[in-house]
Amino acid sequence: MKRKMKLEHPGIIIKELIFDEKGLSITDAAGLLGVTRTALSNVANGKADLSVDMSLRMEYVFGGTAEFWQRMQAAYNVEQARPHIAKLKLKRYKPKLKKSLPVKETTSRDRKTKKVA
């Protein structure tokens, strides 16, 4: 099933939901998170991936979970990589059997089965 809506970079969502909603500038938010303004600006503008470290800082300072932001980053990265992989025309691996597998007989006429209590 093909996705109809394009995924947003998580940094852009962070900028809208957290910084803009709370009235924080990138500089103020960077100070709260203990990162440089440049580092946070690159994430917030979709120029850099949201690192695990930054996700944990977001969790601690603003709440939510680092796992949520990392899943969002992973989904965004996968969507960005799909067109490149599609151009490679890769084919699924199908193993070839060299000979048929042996079938072992599972019942024997001479053996009696014992019931275990």
N, C-alpha and C. Protein backbone atom coordinates (compact mmCIF):
# COMPACT_ATOMS: atom_id res chain seq x y z
N MET A 1 0.83 -1.17 0.00
CA MET A 1 0.00 0.00 0.00
C MET A 1 0.88 1.24 0.00
N LYS A 2 0.64 2.14 -0.89
CA LYS A 2 1.46 3.33 -1.02
C LYS A 2 0.94 4.44 -0.11
N ARG A 3 1.86 5.10 0.56
CA ARG A 3 1.51 6.19 1.46
C ARG A 3 1.12 7.40 0.63
N LYS A 4 -0.02 8.03 1.00
CA LYS A 4 -0.49 9.19 0.26
C LYS A 4 0.14 10.48 0.77
N MET A 5 0.27 10.60 2.10
CA MET A 5 0.86 11.80 2.67
C MET A 5 2.35 11.63 2.86
N LYS A 6 3.10 12.66 2.55
CA LYS A 6 4.53 12.63 2.75
C LYS A 6 4.82 12.86 4.23
N LEU A 7 5.74 12.07 4.78
CA LEU A 7 6.11 12.24 6.18
C LEU A 7 6.95 13.50 6.35
N GLU A 8 6.71 14.20 7.43
CA GLU A 8 7.49 15.37 7.78
C GLU A 8 8.72 14.94 8.57
N HIS A 9 9.79 15.68 8.42
CA HIS A 9 10.98 15.46 9.25
C HIS A 9 10.57 15.72 10.71
N PRO A 10 11.00 14.88 11.65
CA PRO A 10 10.59 15.09 13.04
C PRO A 10 11.01 16.44 13.62
N GLY A 11 12.10 16.99 13.13
CA GLY A 11 12.54 18.30 13.61
C GLY A 11 11.54 19.40 13.31
N ILE A 12 10.91 19.31 12.15
CA ILE A 12 9.90 20.30 11.77
C ILE A 12 8.69 20.18 12.68
N ILE A 13 8.33 18.96 13.03
CA ILE A 13 7.20 18.74 13.93
C ILE A 13 7.56 19.24 15.33
N ILE A 14 8.78 18.99 15.77
CA ILE A 14 9.23 19.49 17.07
C ILE A 14 9.14 21.01 17.10
N LYS A 15 9.59 21.62 16.03
CA LYS A 15 9.57 23.09 15.95
C LYS A 15 8.13 23.61 16.07
N GLU A 16 7.21 22.99 15.37
CA GLU A 16 5.81 23.43 15.39
C GLU A 16 5.11 23.10 16.71
N LEU A 17 5.23 21.86 17.17
CA LEU A 17 4.48 21.41 18.34
C LEU A 17 5.07 21.87 19.67
N ILE A 18 6.37 22.00 19.73
CA ILE A 18 6.97 22.32 21.02
C ILE A 18 7.44 23.78 21.07
N PHE A 19 8.30 24.17 20.16
CA PHE A 19 8.87 25.51 20.25
C PHE A 19 7.84 26.60 19.92
N ASP A 20 7.15 26.45 18.80
CA ASP A 20 6.18 27.47 18.41
C ASP A 20 5.00 27.53 19.38
N GLU A 21 4.50 26.34 19.78
CA GLU A 21 3.36 26.28 20.70
C GLU A 21 3.68 26.87 22.06
N LYS A 22 4.91 26.67 22.51
CA LYS A 22 5.31 27.17 23.83
C LYS A 22 5.93 28.57 23.75
N GLY A 23 6.04 29.09 22.53
CA GLY A 23 6.60 30.43 22.37
C GLY A 23 8.10 30.50 22.62
N LEU A 24 8.79 29.39 22.37
CA LEU A 24 10.24 29.35 22.58
C LEU A 24 10.98 29.63 21.28
N SER A 25 12.03 30.39 21.37
CA SER A 25 12.90 30.57 20.21
C SER A 25 13.85 29.37 20.16
N ILE A 26 14.50 29.18 19.03
CA ILE A 26 15.49 28.10 18.90
C ILE A 26 16.59 28.32 19.93
N THR A 27 17.00 29.54 20.13
CA THR A 27 18.06 29.86 21.09
C THR A 27 17.64 29.47 22.51
N ASP A 28 16.40 29.83 22.90
CA ASP A 28 15.91 29.48 24.24
C ASP A 28 15.82 27.96 24.41
N ALA A 29 15.27 27.29 23.41
CA ALA A 29 15.12 25.83 23.47
C ALA A 29 16.48 25.15 23.52
N ALA A 30 17.43 25.65 22.74
CA ALA A 30 18.78 25.08 22.74
C ALA A 30 19.40 25.20 24.13
N GLY A 31 19.19 26.34 24.79
CA GLY A 31 19.70 26.53 26.15
C GLY A 31 19.09 25.53 27.12
N LEU A 32 17.79 25.32 27.02
CA LEU A 32 17.12 24.34 27.89
C LEU A 32 17.63 22.92 27.65
N LEU A 33 17.91 22.61 26.39
CA LEU A 33 18.36 21.26 26.02
C LEU A 33 19.86 21.07 26.21
N GLY A 34 20.59 22.15 26.41
CA GLY A 34 22.04 22.04 26.59
C GLY A 34 22.77 21.71 25.30
N VAL A 35 22.26 22.23 24.17
CA VAL A 35 22.91 22.03 22.88
C VAL A 35 23.15 23.39 22.23
N THR A 36 23.92 23.41 21.17
CA THR A 36 24.16 24.67 20.49
C THR A 36 22.93 25.06 19.67
N ARG A 37 22.81 26.35 19.44
CA ARG A 37 21.71 26.85 18.63
C ARG A 37 21.77 26.26 17.23
N THR A 38 22.98 26.17 16.69
CA THR A 38 23.17 25.63 15.34
C THR A 38 22.70 24.18 15.24
N ALA A 39 23.06 23.38 16.24
CA ALA A 39 22.66 21.96 16.22
C ALA A 39 21.15 21.82 16.24
N LEU A 40 20.49 22.57 17.12
CA LEU A 40 19.03 22.49 17.22
C LEU A 40 18.36 23.08 15.99
N SER A 41 18.91 24.14 15.46
CA SER A 41 18.35 24.76 14.26
C SER A 41 18.41 23.79 13.08
N ASN A 42 19.51 23.07 12.94
CA ASN A 42 19.64 22.10 11.85
C ASN A 42 18.59 21.00 11.96
N VAL A 43 18.31 20.53 13.18
CA VAL A 43 17.28 19.51 13.38
C VAL A 43 15.90 20.11 13.11
N ALA A 44 15.64 21.28 13.69
CA ALA A 44 14.32 21.91 13.58
C ALA A 44 13.96 22.29 12.16
N ASN A 45 14.96 22.50 11.32
CA ASN A 45 14.71 22.85 9.92
C ASN A 45 14.86 21.67 8.98
N GLY A 46 14.98 20.45 9.54
CA GLY A 46 15.03 19.24 8.73
C GLY A 46 16.35 19.03 8.00
N LYS A 47 17.41 19.71 8.44
CA LYS A 47 18.71 19.57 7.79
C LYS A 47 19.58 18.50 8.43
N ALA A 48 19.23 18.07 9.64
CA ALA A 48 19.99 17.03 10.34
C ALA A 48 19.01 16.07 11.00
N ASP A 49 19.42 14.81 11.10
CA ASP A 49 18.59 13.81 11.77
C ASP A 49 18.49 14.10 13.26
N LEU A 50 17.41 13.67 13.84
CA LEU A 50 17.21 13.78 15.27
C LEU A 50 17.95 12.62 15.92
N SER A 51 19.02 12.91 16.64
CA SER A 51 19.85 11.86 17.24
C SER A 51 19.17 11.28 18.47
N VAL A 52 19.67 10.14 18.90
CA VAL A 52 19.18 9.51 20.12
C VAL A 52 19.42 10.45 21.30
N ASP A 53 20.59 11.06 21.34
CA ASP A 53 20.92 11.99 22.41
C ASP A 53 19.92 13.15 22.46
N MET A 54 19.63 13.73 21.31
CA MET A 54 18.68 14.85 21.26
C MET A 54 17.29 14.38 21.66
N SER A 55 16.89 13.19 21.26
CA SER A 55 15.59 12.63 21.64
C SER A 55 15.48 12.48 23.15
N LEU A 56 16.55 12.00 23.77
CA LEU A 56 16.55 11.85 25.22
C LEU A 56 16.49 13.20 25.92
N ARG A 57 17.17 14.18 25.38
CA ARG A 57 17.11 15.53 25.93
C ARG A 57 15.68 16.09 25.82
N MET A 58 15.06 15.86 24.67
CA MET A 58 13.68 16.31 24.46
C MET A 58 12.75 15.66 25.48
N GLU A 59 12.93 14.36 25.69
CA GLU A 59 12.13 13.63 26.65
C GLU A 59 12.27 14.23 28.05
N TYR A 60 13.48 14.48 28.46
CA TYR A 60 13.74 14.98 29.81
C TYR A 60 13.21 16.40 30.01
N VAL A 61 13.44 17.27 29.03
CA VAL A 61 13.07 18.68 29.17
C VAL A 61 11.58 18.93 28.88
N PHE A 62 11.06 18.33 27.81
CA PHE A 62 9.70 18.65 27.37
C PHE A 62 8.69 17.54 27.60
N GLY A 63 9.15 16.36 28.01
CA GLY A 63 8.24 15.24 28.23
C GLY A 63 8.12 14.38 26.99
N GLY A 64 7.21 13.44 27.02
CA GLY A 64 7.08 12.49 25.92
C GLY A 64 8.17 11.43 26.03
N THR A 65 8.36 10.66 24.97
CA THR A 65 9.38 9.61 25.00
C THR A 65 10.37 9.77 23.86
N ALA A 66 11.60 9.40 24.14
CA ALA A 66 12.64 9.41 23.12
C ALA A 66 12.32 8.38 22.04
N GLU A 67 11.69 7.28 22.43
CA GLU A 67 11.36 6.22 21.47
C GLU A 67 10.39 6.73 20.41
N PHE A 68 9.42 7.55 20.82
CA PHE A 68 8.48 8.11 19.86
C PHE A 68 9.21 8.91 18.79
N TRP A 69 10.11 9.80 19.21
CA TRP A 69 10.83 10.64 18.25
C TRP A 69 11.77 9.81 17.38
N GLN A 70 12.35 8.76 17.94
CA GLN A 70 13.24 7.92 17.15
C GLN A 70 12.47 7.09 16.13
N ARG A 71 11.27 6.63 16.49
CA ARG A 71 10.44 5.91 15.51
C ARG A 71 10.05 6.84 14.37
N MET A 72 9.74 8.08 14.72
CA MET A 72 9.39 9.05 13.69
C MET A 72 10.58 9.32 12.77
N GLN A 73 11.78 9.44 13.34
CA GLN A 73 12.97 9.67 12.53
C GLN A 73 13.25 8.47 11.63
N ALA A 74 13.10 7.26 12.17
CA ALA A 74 13.34 6.05 11.38
C ALA A 74 12.35 5.95 10.22
N ALA A 75 11.08 6.23 10.47
CA ALA A 75 10.07 6.18 9.42
C ALA A 75 10.38 7.21 8.32
N TYR A 76 10.80 8.38 8.72
CA TYR A 76 11.18 9.43 7.77
C TYR A 76 12.38 8.97 6.93
N ASN A 77 13.38 8.40 7.58
CA ASN A 77 14.58 7.93 6.86
C ASN A 77 14.25 6.83 5.86
N VAL A 78 13.37 5.91 6.25
CA VAL A 78 12.97 4.83 5.35
C VAL A 78 12.26 5.41 4.13
N GLU A 79 11.33 6.33 4.37
CA GLU A 79 10.60 6.93 3.25
C GLU A 79 11.55 7.66 2.29
N GLN A 80 12.56 8.32 2.83
CA GLN A 80 13.51 9.04 2.00
C GLN A 80 14.38 8.08 1.18
N ALA A 81 14.66 6.89 1.71
CA ALA A 81 15.53 5.92 1.04
C ALA A 81 14.80 5.08 -0.02
N ARG A 82 13.49 4.92 0.09
CA ARG A 82 12.74 4.05 -0.83
C ARG A 82 12.95 4.37 -2.31
N PRO A 83 12.87 5.63 -2.74
CA PRO A 83 13.06 5.90 -4.17
C PRO A 83 14.43 5.46 -4.69
N HIS A 84 15.45 5.62 -3.88
CA HIS A 84 16.80 5.20 -4.29
C HIS A 84 16.86 3.69 -4.46
N ILE A 85 16.30 2.96 -3.51
CA ILE A 85 16.32 1.50 -3.57
C ILE A 85 15.48 1.01 -4.75
N ALA A 86 14.37 1.66 -5.01
CA ALA A 86 13.50 1.26 -6.13
C ALA A 86 14.25 1.36 -7.46
N LYS A 87 15.14 2.33 -7.59
CA LYS A 87 15.91 2.50 -8.83
C LYS A 87 16.93 1.39 -9.05
N LEU A 88 17.28 0.66 -8.01
CA LEU A 88 18.30 -0.38 -8.12
C LEU A 88 17.79 -1.66 -8.79
N LYS A 89 16.48 -1.82 -8.92
CA LYS A 89 15.86 -2.99 -9.55
C LYS A 89 16.35 -4.30 -8.91
N LEU A 90 16.32 -4.34 -7.61
CA LEU A 90 16.74 -5.54 -6.88
C LEU A 90 15.70 -6.63 -7.03
N LYS A 91 16.15 -7.88 -6.98
CA LYS A 91 15.24 -9.03 -7.05
C LYS A 91 15.34 -9.82 -5.76
N ARG A 92 14.20 -10.35 -5.33
CA ARG A 92 14.16 -11.14 -4.11
C ARG A 92 14.94 -12.43 -4.29
N TYR A 93 15.68 -12.83 -3.28
CA TYR A 93 16.46 -14.06 -3.29
C TYR A 93 15.53 -15.26 -3.15
N LYS A 94 15.70 -16.23 -4.06
CA LYS A 94 14.93 -17.47 -4.00
C LYS A 94 15.92 -18.63 -4.02
N PRO A 95 16.07 -19.32 -2.91
CA PRO A 95 17.04 -20.42 -2.87
C PRO A 95 16.61 -21.55 -3.80
N LYS A 96 17.59 -22.20 -4.39
CA LYS A 96 17.32 -23.34 -5.27
C LYS A 96 17.70 -24.61 -4.52
N LEU A 97 16.77 -25.58 -4.50
CA LEU A 97 17.06 -26.86 -3.86
C LEU A 97 17.81 -27.74 -4.85
N LYS A 98 18.92 -28.30 -4.40
CA LYS A 98 19.73 -29.15 -5.28
C LYS A 98 19.15 -30.55 -5.40
N LYS A 99 18.58 -31.05 -4.32
CA LYS A 99 17.92 -32.35 -4.36
C LYS A 99 16.73 -32.31 -3.42
N SER A 100 15.85 -33.24 -3.60
CA SER A 100 14.66 -33.25 -2.75
C SER A 100 15.04 -33.62 -1.32
N LEU A 101 14.29 -33.13 -0.40
CA LEU A 101 14.56 -33.41 1.00
C LEU A 101 14.12 -34.82 1.34
N PRO A 102 14.89 -35.53 2.18
CA PRO A 102 14.49 -36.89 2.56
C PRO A 102 13.28 -36.84 3.49
N VAL A 103 12.40 -37.82 3.32
CA VAL A 103 11.22 -37.91 4.17
C VAL A 103 11.43 -39.11 5.08
N LYS A 104 11.39 -38.84 6.37
CA LYS A 104 11.62 -39.89 7.36
C LYS A 104 10.28 -40.50 7.74
N GLU A 105 10.26 -41.81 7.80
CA GLU A 105 9.03 -42.48 8.20
C GLU A 105 8.82 -42.26 9.69
N THR A 106 7.64 -41.89 10.08
CA THR A 106 7.38 -41.54 11.47
C THR A 106 6.68 -42.63 12.26
N THR A 107 6.19 -43.64 11.60
CA THR A 107 5.51 -44.72 12.33
C THR A 107 6.22 -46.03 12.06
N SER A 108 6.16 -46.90 13.01
CA SER A 108 6.77 -48.21 12.87
C SER A 108 5.78 -49.26 13.34
N ARG A 109 5.73 -50.40 12.66
CA ARG A 109 4.78 -51.45 13.01
C ARG A 109 5.22 -52.20 14.26
N ASP A 110 6.52 -52.28 14.48
CA ASP A 110 7.03 -53.08 15.59
C ASP A 110 7.00 -52.34 16.93
N ARG A 111 6.93 -51.04 16.90
CA ARG A 111 6.98 -50.27 18.15
C ARG A 111 5.59 -50.09 18.74
N LYS A 112 5.56 -50.20 20.05
CA LYS A 112 4.33 -49.95 20.76
C LYS A 112 4.49 -48.60 21.46
N THR A 113 3.45 -47.82 21.46
CA THR A 113 3.51 -46.52 22.12
C THR A 113 3.11 -46.68 23.59
N LYS A 114 3.80 -46.01 24.45
CA LYS A 114 3.51 -46.05 25.87
C LYS A 114 2.88 -44.74 26.26
N LYS A 115 1.90 -44.82 27.12
CA LYS A 115 1.27 -43.61 27.63
C LYS A 115 2.06 -43.16 28.85
N VAL A 116 2.30 -41.87 28.89
CA VAL A 116 3.00 -41.30 30.03
C VAL A 116 1.99 -40.58 30.88
N ALA A 117 2.01 -40.88 32.19
CA ALA A 117 1.02 -40.27 33.09
C ALA A 117 1.44 -38.88 33.50
